């Protein structure tokens, strides 16, 4: 409650006239060092407001006497990084894979650039570390539809698979359930044989062997080894694009799933594509 302003008998300072439960509030000035710091801070803030962008307006903002822009600074930093990086990327573009690998520093730069480009562009389909997803090839397993050499990988990344580019890789599996090609029972028998090629004993595979030889072996090989020149998958392996079950085999024979991959040469430059090829090749499945 307010009381009269008087001098405190203990400290010798004047009071403010406020008292709570016998405790009187002293009217003690702030320390001079604190006051000086506050004034200095205010002064520096005013100078900062004048020099740098600060005050918003209806149609824009005050740009400051120095004309500083954080966006311009970022653009300059990015341009500097690009300039530094371009010298290495130009070498990657011009050198052969063998020459790149002779230079440990250049190889490390290419691997890093490839890893970043893969994460930004390829990982949503092929999975982290090339682990693959249903319908999208596993790149780290060594099971290649079109070959796993560096040149093979570069070709696939550059022009894509069934992408519409004239140089894209092309393959086509007929729909065996249509146009009287195979009856339902024959499809079931072929599926049993395909499962037998994988080591599974299901149904009566022997009855499907002849049907397979007459309809499938031309592309997939007599023993299901596949043919890379036409992109025919290996059926006898343990890595399967559209599933491992017998039902998945039947579904693929009845109504084959034909995936596609874009041609990345419209989005990635030649050096980045080579870097991606090096990264993918190094995932563990490269040849």
Protein backbone atom coordinates (compact mmCIF):
# COMPACT_ATOMS: atom_id res chain seq x y z
CA UNK A 1 0.00 0.00 0.00
CA UNK A 2 1.28 3.51 -0.69
CA UNK A 3 3.05 5.22 2.19
CA UNK A 4 4.91 8.46 2.45
CA UNK A 5 8.25 8.87 0.68
CA UNK A 6 11.05 8.88 3.21
CA UNK A 7 14.66 7.87 3.69
CA UNK A 8 15.28 4.27 4.67
CA UNK A 9 17.02 4.18 8.03
CA UNK A 10 19.04 1.06 7.21
CA UNK A 11 20.38 1.79 3.72
CA UNK A 12 20.11 5.54 3.64
CA UNK A 13 18.26 5.43 0.25
CA UNK A 14 14.97 7.12 -0.40
CA UNK A 15 11.87 4.91 -0.67
CA UNK A 16 9.25 4.94 -3.43
CA UNK A 17 6.37 5.16 -1.05
CA UNK A 18 5.29 1.54 -1.52
CA UNK A 19 5.23 -0.94 1.33
CA UNK A 20 4.17 -4.63 1.53
CA UNK A 21 3.90 -6.40 4.84
CA UNK A 22 6.39 -4.03 6.39
CA UNK A 23 8.84 -4.17 3.49
CA UNK A 24 9.51 -0.80 1.89
CA UNK A 25 10.57 -0.43 -1.76
CA UNK A 26 13.78 1.49 -2.20
CA UNK A 27 14.13 4.08 -4.93
CA UNK A 28 17.66 2.99 -5.78
CA UNK A 29 19.08 4.05 -9.18
CA UNK A 30 20.36 1.47 -11.65
CA UNK A 31 24.11 0.84 -11.73
CA UNK A 32 25.85 3.24 -14.08
CA UNK A 33 27.57 0.43 -15.99
CA UNK A 34 24.17 -1.13 -16.74
CA UNK A 35 22.75 2.20 -17.90
CA UNK A 36 25.75 2.84 -20.15
CA UNK A 37 25.41 -0.63 -21.74
CA UNK A 38 21.72 0.00 -22.38
CA UNK A 39 22.40 3.36 -24.03
CA UNK A 40 25.17 1.82 -26.13
CA UNK A 41 22.86 -0.99 -27.24
CA UNK A 42 20.16 1.49 -28.26
CA UNK A 43 22.71 3.56 -30.20
CA UNK A 44 24.11 0.51 -32.00
CA UNK A 45 20.58 -0.62 -32.85
CA UNK A 46 19.78 2.74 -34.41
CA UNK A 47 22.95 2.60 -36.51
CA UNK A 48 22.11 -0.97 -37.55
CA UNK A 49 18.60 0.07 -38.58
CA UNK A 50 20.05 2.81 -40.79
CA UNK A 51 22.73 0.64 -42.41
CA UNK A 52 20.86 -2.64 -42.97
CA UNK A 53 17.36 -3.69 -44.17
CA UNK A 54 15.03 -3.16 -41.26
CA UNK A 55 11.73 -1.31 -41.46
CA UNK A 56 8.83 -2.87 -43.42
CA UNK A 57 6.48 -0.73 -45.47
CA UNK A 58 3.27 -1.06 -47.43
CA UNK A 59 4.99 -1.68 -50.76
CA UNK A 60 8.35 -3.04 -49.64
CA UNK A 61 10.94 -2.38 -46.98
CA UNK A 62 13.80 -0.06 -46.17
CA UNK A 63 16.88 -1.59 -47.86
CA UNK A 64 19.48 0.15 -45.72
CA UNK A 65 22.32 2.43 -46.73
CA UNK A 66 24.67 -0.52 -47.41
CA UNK A 67 22.19 -2.27 -49.72
CA UNK A 68 22.87 -5.60 -48.01
CA UNK A 69 20.66 -8.59 -48.94
CA UNK A 70 20.83 -12.03 -47.36
CA UNK A 71 19.45 -13.53 -50.57
CA UNK A 72 22.22 -11.90 -52.58
CA UNK A 73 24.77 -13.22 -50.10
CA UNK A 74 23.39 -16.76 -50.43
CA UNK A 75 23.40 -16.49 -54.23
CA UNK A 76 27.02 -15.36 -54.14
CA UNK A 77 28.00 -18.23 -51.84
CA UNK A 78 26.22 -20.75 -54.06
CA UNK A 79 27.86 -19.31 -57.16
CA UNK A 80 31.26 -19.62 -55.49
CA UNK A 81 30.61 -23.27 -54.62
CA UNK A 82 29.38 -23.99 -58.16
CA UNK A 83 32.48 -22.37 -59.62
CA UNK A 84 34.74 -24.43 -57.36
CA UNK A 85 32.77 -27.59 -58.08
CA UNK A 86 32.62 -27.04 -61.84
CA UNK A 87 36.37 -27.55 -62.23
CA UNK A 88 36.06 -31.05 -60.77
CA UNK A 89 32.80 -31.85 -62.56
CA UNK A 90 34.30 -30.84 -65.91
CA UNK A 91 37.08 -33.35 -65.33
CA UNK A 92 34.56 -36.05 -64.41
CA UNK A 93 32.64 -35.30 -67.60
CA UNK A 94 35.69 -35.48 -69.83
CA UNK A 95 37.62 -38.37 -68.28
CA UNK A 96 36.93 -42.06 -68.68
CA UNK A 97 35.79 -44.10 -65.69
CA UNK A 98 39.20 -45.74 -65.53
CA UNK A 99 40.97 -42.37 -65.36
CA UNK A 100 38.54 -41.06 -62.74
CA UNK A 101 39.26 -44.05 -60.54
CA UNK A 102 42.99 -43.41 -60.79
CA UNK A 103 42.46 -40.15 -58.90
CA UNK A 104 41.25 -40.85 -55.32
CA UNK A 105 40.18 -37.26 -54.74
CA UNK A 106 38.22 -37.09 -57.97
CA UNK A 107 36.64 -40.48 -57.25
CA UNK A 108 35.54 -39.28 -53.81
CA UNK A 109 34.02 -36.13 -55.31
CA UNK A 110 32.19 -38.15 -57.97
CA UNK A 111 30.87 -40.60 -55.37
CA UNK A 112 29.62 -37.74 -53.22
CA UNK A 113 27.97 -35.97 -56.14
CA UNK A 114 26.42 -39.28 -57.25
CA UNK A 115 25.11 -40.04 -53.77
CA UNK A 116 23.44 -36.63 -53.50
CA UNK A 117 21.93 -36.85 -56.99
CA UNK A 118 20.73 -40.40 -56.29
CA UNK A 119 19.05 -39.32 -53.04
CA UNK A 120 17.32 -36.40 -54.77
CA UNK A 121 16.20 -38.21 -57.91
CA UNK A 122 16.43 -42.01 -57.69
CA UNK A 123 15.89 -43.01 -54.08
CA UNK A 124 12.07 -42.60 -54.05
CA UNK A 125 11.82 -45.53 -56.50
CA UNK A 126 14.99 -47.57 -55.96
CA UNK A 127 15.13 -47.13 -52.18
CA UNK A 128 17.89 -45.95 -49.88
CA UNK A 129 21.20 -47.49 -50.84
CA UNK A 130 19.60 -49.01 -53.96
CA UNK A 131 17.65 -51.51 -51.85
CA UNK A 132 14.77 -51.47 -54.33
CA UNK A 133 11.00 -51.58 -53.92
CA UNK A 134 8.29 -53.78 -55.38
CA UNK A 135 8.28 -53.03 -59.10
CA UNK A 136 11.55 -51.10 -58.93
CA UNK A 137 14.88 -52.90 -59.40
CA UNK A 138 17.29 -53.52 -56.55
CA UNK A 139 20.55 -51.89 -57.58
CA UNK A 140 22.74 -53.35 -54.85
CA UNK A 141 22.01 -57.03 -55.48
CA UNK A 142 23.85 -57.62 -58.75
CA UNK A 143 20.71 -58.68 -60.62
CA UNK A 144 20.67 -56.52 -63.73
CA UNK A 145 18.08 -56.43 -66.49
CA UNK A 146 20.36 -54.56 -68.88
CA UNK A 147 23.83 -55.12 -67.45
CA UNK A 148 25.72 -53.75 -64.49
CA UNK A 149 28.90 -52.29 -65.96
CA UNK A 150 29.53 -48.57 -65.60
CA UNK A 151 28.70 -48.00 -69.27
CA UNK A 152 25.51 -50.06 -68.95
CA UNK A 153 24.38 -48.08 -65.94
CA UNK A 154 25.21 -44.77 -67.61
CA UNK A 155 23.18 -45.80 -70.66
CA UNK A 156 20.14 -46.62 -68.52
CA UNK A 157 20.36 -43.43 -66.46
CA UNK A 158 20.91 -41.23 -69.50
CA UNK A 159 18.13 -42.46 -71.76
CA UNK A 160 15.84 -44.35 -69.40
CA UNK A 161 13.69 -47.44 -69.80
CA UNK A 162 10.64 -47.14 -72.04
CA UNK A 163 10.88 -43.39 -71.43
CA UNK A 164 9.85 -42.28 -74.89
CA UNK A 165 13.39 -41.19 -75.75
CA UNK A 166 14.53 -42.66 -79.09
CA UNK A 167 17.61 -44.18 -77.44
CA UNK A 168 15.76 -45.54 -74.39
CA UNK A 169 16.01 -49.23 -73.60
CA UNK A 170 12.95 -51.10 -74.82
CA UNK A 171 11.45 -54.44 -73.90
CA UNK A 172 7.96 -55.86 -74.07
CA UNK A 173 6.35 -58.98 -72.61
CA UNK A 174 3.18 -60.21 -74.31
CA UNK A 175 -0.07 -60.63 -72.44
CA UNK A 176 -0.28 -64.42 -72.54
CA UNK A 177 -3.86 -64.53 -71.31
CA UNK A 178 -5.09 -62.68 -74.37
CA UNK A 179 -5.51 -63.51 -78.03
CA UNK A 180 -5.66 -67.22 -77.31
CA UNK A 181 -1.97 -67.52 -76.49
CA UNK A 182 -2.21 -69.65 -73.35
CA UNK A 183 -5.14 -71.16 -71.50
CA UNK A 184 -5.59 -70.64 -67.79
CA UNK A 185 -4.43 -74.18 -67.01
CA UNK A 186 -1.32 -73.71 -69.15
CA UNK A 187 -0.48 -70.45 -67.36
CA UNK A 188 -0.73 -72.28 -64.05
CA UNK A 189 1.60 -74.99 -65.35
CA UNK A 190 4.15 -72.45 -66.60
CA UNK A 191 4.04 -70.74 -63.20
CA UNK A 192 4.85 -74.09 -61.55
CA UNK A 193 7.87 -74.47 -63.85
CA UNK A 194 9.09 -70.94 -63.16
CA UNK A 195 8.87 -71.63 -59.44
CA UNK A 196 10.84 -74.84 -60.04
CA UNK A 197 13.56 -72.79 -61.76
CA UNK A 198 13.85 -70.89 -58.48
CA UNK A 199 14.17 -74.11 -56.51
CA UNK A 200 10.59 -74.32 -55.25
CA UNK A 201 8.61 -77.56 -55.63
CA UNK A 202 5.02 -76.52 -56.34
CA UNK A 203 2.35 -78.31 -58.35
CA UNK A 204 3.44 -80.21 -61.46
CA UNK A 205 6.34 -78.24 -62.95
CA UNK A 206 7.23 -80.90 -65.52
CA UNK A 207 3.99 -80.29 -67.38
CA UNK A 208 4.85 -76.58 -67.73
CA UNK A 209 8.39 -77.12 -69.01
CA UNK A 210 7.33 -77.74 -72.60
CA UNK A 211 4.94 -74.77 -72.60
CA UNK A 212 7.73 -72.60 -71.18
CA UNK A 213 10.17 -73.80 -73.87
CA UNK A 214 7.70 -72.94 -76.63
CA UNK A 215 6.61 -69.53 -75.32
CA UNK A 216 9.09 -68.11 -72.82
CA UNK A 217 12.57 -69.55 -73.38
CA UNK A 218 13.25 -67.35 -76.43
CA UNK A 219 13.47 -64.33 -74.12
CA UNK A 220 14.15 -65.70 -70.66
CA UNK A 221 16.49 -68.53 -71.69
CA UNK A 222 16.12 -72.29 -71.49
CA UNK A 223 17.05 -72.32 -67.81
CA UNK A 224 15.56 -68.95 -66.90
CA UNK A 225 18.92 -67.21 -67.06
CA UNK A 226 17.46 -64.15 -68.79
CA UNK A 227 18.82 -62.09 -71.69
CA UNK A 228 20.24 -58.67 -71.00
CA UNK A 229 20.33 -57.53 -74.61
CA UNK A 230 16.53 -57.45 -74.62
CA UNK A 231 15.98 -56.71 -70.93
CA UNK A 232 14.44 -60.11 -70.15
CA UNK A 233 14.68 -60.82 -66.39
CA UNK A 234 16.48 -63.79 -64.96
CA UNK A 235 13.78 -66.09 -63.62
CA UNK A 236 16.05 -68.55 -61.85
CA UNK A 237 17.59 -66.00 -59.50
CA UNK A 238 16.52 -64.98 -56.01
CA UNK A 239 15.85 -61.31 -56.80
CA UNK A 240 12.47 -60.70 -58.43
CA UNK A 241 11.09 -57.40 -59.59
CA UNK A 242 7.37 -57.94 -58.97
CA UNK A 243 7.31 -60.40 -56.10
CA UNK A 244 8.46 -63.89 -55.13
CA UNK A 245 5.17 -65.74 -54.80
CA UNK A 246 3.55 -68.05 -57.32
CA UNK A 247 0.59 -65.65 -57.50
CA UNK A 248 3.00 -62.89 -58.54
CA UNK A 249 4.35 -65.13 -61.32
CA UNK A 250 0.84 -65.91 -62.56
CA UNK A 251 -0.12 -62.23 -62.48
CA UNK A 252 2.93 -61.31 -64.54
CA UNK A 253 2.13 -63.95 -67.17
CA UNK A 254 -1.55 -62.97 -67.34
CA UNK A 255 -1.11 -59.21 -67.38
CA UNK A 256 2.58 -58.21 -67.29
CA UNK A 257 3.63 -55.06 -65.50
CA UNK A 258 5.85 -52.97 -67.72
CA UNK A 259 7.65 -50.34 -65.70
CA UNK A 260 9.41 -47.28 -67.01
CA UNK A 261 12.28 -45.03 -66.02
CA UNK A 262 12.69 -41.42 -67.18
CA UNK A 263 15.61 -40.32 -69.28
CA UNK A 264 17.63 -38.22 -66.86
CA UNK A 265 19.65 -36.42 -69.53
CA UNK A 266 16.98 -33.70 -69.55
CA UNK A 267 17.48 -33.00 -65.84
CA UNK A 268 21.02 -34.04 -64.96
CA UNK A 269 24.18 -32.95 -66.75
CA UNK A 270 26.65 -35.45 -68.16
CA UNK A 271 29.06 -35.19 -65.22
CA UNK A 272 26.29 -35.81 -62.69
CA UNK A 273 25.02 -38.82 -64.65
CA UNK A 274 28.53 -40.30 -64.63
CA UNK A 275 28.71 -39.62 -60.90
CA UNK A 276 25.40 -41.42 -60.37
CA UNK A 277 26.70 -44.37 -62.41
CA UNK A 278 29.82 -44.53 -60.22
CA UNK A 279 27.74 -44.35 -57.06
CA UNK A 280 25.27 -47.02 -58.19
CA UNK A 281 28.09 -49.25 -59.38
CA UNK A 282 29.69 -48.91 -55.96
CA UNK A 283 26.56 -49.96 -54.04
CA UNK A 284 27.67 -53.58 -54.26
CA UNK A 285 26.00 -54.92 -57.36
CA UNK A 286 28.20 -53.39 -60.04
CA UNK A 287 30.08 -55.54 -62.52
